[in-house]
Structures are given as structure tokens and as C-alpha cells.
Amino acid sequence: LATRARALVVLGRADEALEAATAAIAVLAEQGALDEGDMRVRLAWIEALVATGDAPRAREALHEATALLAERARKLGDDGLRASLLERVPENARIMSLARALG
């Protein structure tokens, strides 16, 4: 669902992207966490919100995502690993980039 949402954003089909992202974020909320891919879901949600012009909710979702990333980064004992988590994992890097852009 998250991958579909992100593709729909790129295709300019924002309303459909938001529908897919909403379904993906609902699964994440129901599960509480995912072993892998939760940031992909959060990014799809953020990008769909941005694409549909819902900046306030996008900022809120960005705040939540960056807080989770910061928490995960703090748990890593090495500065290089922390930087890698935030800058080299594509979904995480995109979230951080959007956070800087949207404030």
C-alpha cells in the first residue's frame, strides 16, 4: 500500500495516493509497529498529505516520524551508524529532507 501510494503521488494522482496511504497508516496503527518498512508507510502518508495540500497534517506526521527516527538514532552507539540511519536509508533521508523543507 505504501509503495502504491508513493507511485500514485509521482503520477499526480494525489487523491488515490491518499486513499492508499490512509489504508497503509491504518494497518501500521493497528499493528502498533512493523519489523520492517514502517518508515516507508510513514513517508507515503506524509507525501500523500503534501500532495493533497494538507500541510498541517503533513507537518504533524513529519514531527512523529522524525521523533521516532531520532529515538532510533539515539539507541545506536556509533555516530557513523546514526548518520547512516538518517542519511543513507532512502526513506529516512527523504523524511528528514521533507522535515527541513516543511519545517
Protein backbone atom coordinates (compact mmCIF):
# COMPACT_ATOMS: atom_id res chain seq x y z
CA LEU A 1 0.00 0.00 0.00
CA ALA A 2 2.79 2.42 0.84
CA THR A 3 4.63 1.72 -2.41
CA ARG A 4 1.39 2.15 -4.35
CA ALA A 5 0.70 5.45 -2.59
CA ARG A 6 4.17 6.78 -3.37
CA ALA A 7 3.82 5.77 -7.03
CA LEU A 8 0.44 7.47 -7.25
CA VAL A 9 1.94 10.68 -5.85
CA VAL A 10 4.58 10.60 -8.58
CA LEU A 11 1.86 10.06 -11.17
CA GLY A 12 -0.01 13.10 -9.89
CA ARG A 13 -2.95 11.07 -8.59
CA ALA A 14 -2.95 12.62 -5.14
CA ASP A 15 -6.43 11.59 -4.04
CA GLU A 16 -5.79 7.95 -4.88
CA ALA A 17 -2.39 8.19 -3.19
CA LEU A 18 -4.03 9.49 -0.04
CA GLU A 19 -6.51 6.62 -0.09
CA ALA A 20 -3.72 4.02 -0.33
CA ALA A 21 -1.58 5.82 2.26
CA THR A 22 -4.54 6.08 4.64
CA ALA A 23 -5.03 2.32 4.38
CA ALA A 24 -1.31 1.73 4.97
CA ILE A 25 -1.15 4.00 8.01
CA ALA A 26 -4.26 2.30 9.41
CA VAL A 27 -2.51 -1.07 9.18
CA LEU A 28 0.52 0.42 10.93
CA ALA A 29 -1.67 1.86 13.68
CA GLU A 30 -3.46 -1.46 14.10
CA GLN A 31 -0.21 -3.42 14.27
CA GLY A 32 1.49 -0.89 16.51
CA ALA A 33 4.80 -1.43 14.73
CA LEU A 34 6.31 -3.28 11.83
CA ASP A 35 9.54 -5.24 11.84
CA GLU A 36 10.49 -3.51 8.64
CA GLY A 37 9.02 -0.81 6.47
CA ASP A 38 7.26 1.39 8.99
CA MET A 39 9.12 4.47 7.77
CA ARG A 40 8.11 3.64 4.21
CA VAL A 41 4.49 3.72 5.37
CA ARG A 42 5.01 6.98 7.25
CA LEU A 43 6.74 8.54 4.24
CA ALA A 44 3.90 7.51 1.92
CA TRP A 45 1.43 9.09 4.34
CA ILE A 46 3.45 12.31 4.53
CA GLU A 47 3.93 12.57 0.77
CA ALA A 48 0.22 11.93 0.14
CA LEU A 49 -0.73 14.62 2.65
CA VAL A 50 1.65 17.06 0.98
CA ALA A 51 0.33 16.15 -2.47
CA THR A 52 -3.25 16.80 -1.39
CA GLY A 53 -2.31 20.13 0.18
CA ASP A 54 -2.82 19.10 3.80
CA ALA A 55 0.28 20.82 5.16
CA PRO A 56 -0.80 20.85 8.83
CA ARG A 57 -1.32 17.08 8.94
CA ALA A 58 1.85 16.55 6.91
CA ARG A 59 3.84 18.56 9.46
CA GLU A 60 2.28 16.58 12.30
CA ALA A 61 3.16 13.28 10.60
CA LEU A 62 6.68 14.56 9.91
CA HIS A 63 7.10 15.51 13.56
CA GLU A 64 6.08 11.99 14.63
CA ALA A 65 8.35 10.33 12.06
CA THR A 66 11.39 12.46 12.87
CA ALA A 67 10.87 11.88 16.60
CA LEU A 68 10.85 8.12 16.01
CA LEU A 69 13.96 8.36 13.85
CA ALA A 70 15.73 10.46 16.48
CA GLU A 71 14.85 7.89 19.13
CA ARG A 72 16.19 5.06 16.99
CA ALA A 73 19.34 7.01 16.19
CA ARG A 74 19.98 7.70 19.90
CA LYS A 75 19.97 3.96 20.55
CA LEU A 76 22.90 3.46 18.18
CA GLY A 77 26.23 3.76 19.92
CA ASP A 78 28.20 4.99 16.96
CA ASP A 79 27.99 8.43 15.33
CA GLY A 80 28.63 6.90 11.92
CA LEU A 81 25.75 4.47 12.34
CA ARG A 82 23.47 7.27 13.48
CA ALA A 83 24.33 9.34 10.44
CA SER A 84 23.88 6.33 8.19
CA LEU A 85 20.43 5.63 9.62
CA LEU A 86 19.29 9.19 8.99
CA GLU A 87 21.11 9.92 5.73
CA ARG A 88 21.64 6.67 3.84
CA VAL A 89 18.40 4.79 4.34
CA PRO A 90 16.34 6.25 1.48
CA GLU A 91 13.01 6.55 3.31
CA ASN A 92 14.64 8.09 6.36
CA ALA A 93 16.67 10.55 4.28
CA ARG A 94 13.53 11.63 2.42
CA ILE A 95 11.65 12.14 5.70
CA MET A 96 14.49 14.25 7.08
CA SER A 97 14.62 16.26 3.83
CA LEU A 98 10.88 16.93 3.94
CA ALA A 99 11.14 17.93 7.60
CA ARG A 100 13.79 20.52 6.71
CA ALA A 101 11.74 21.79 3.76
CA LEU A 102 8.38 21.99 5.53
CA GLY A 103 9.66 22.94 8.96
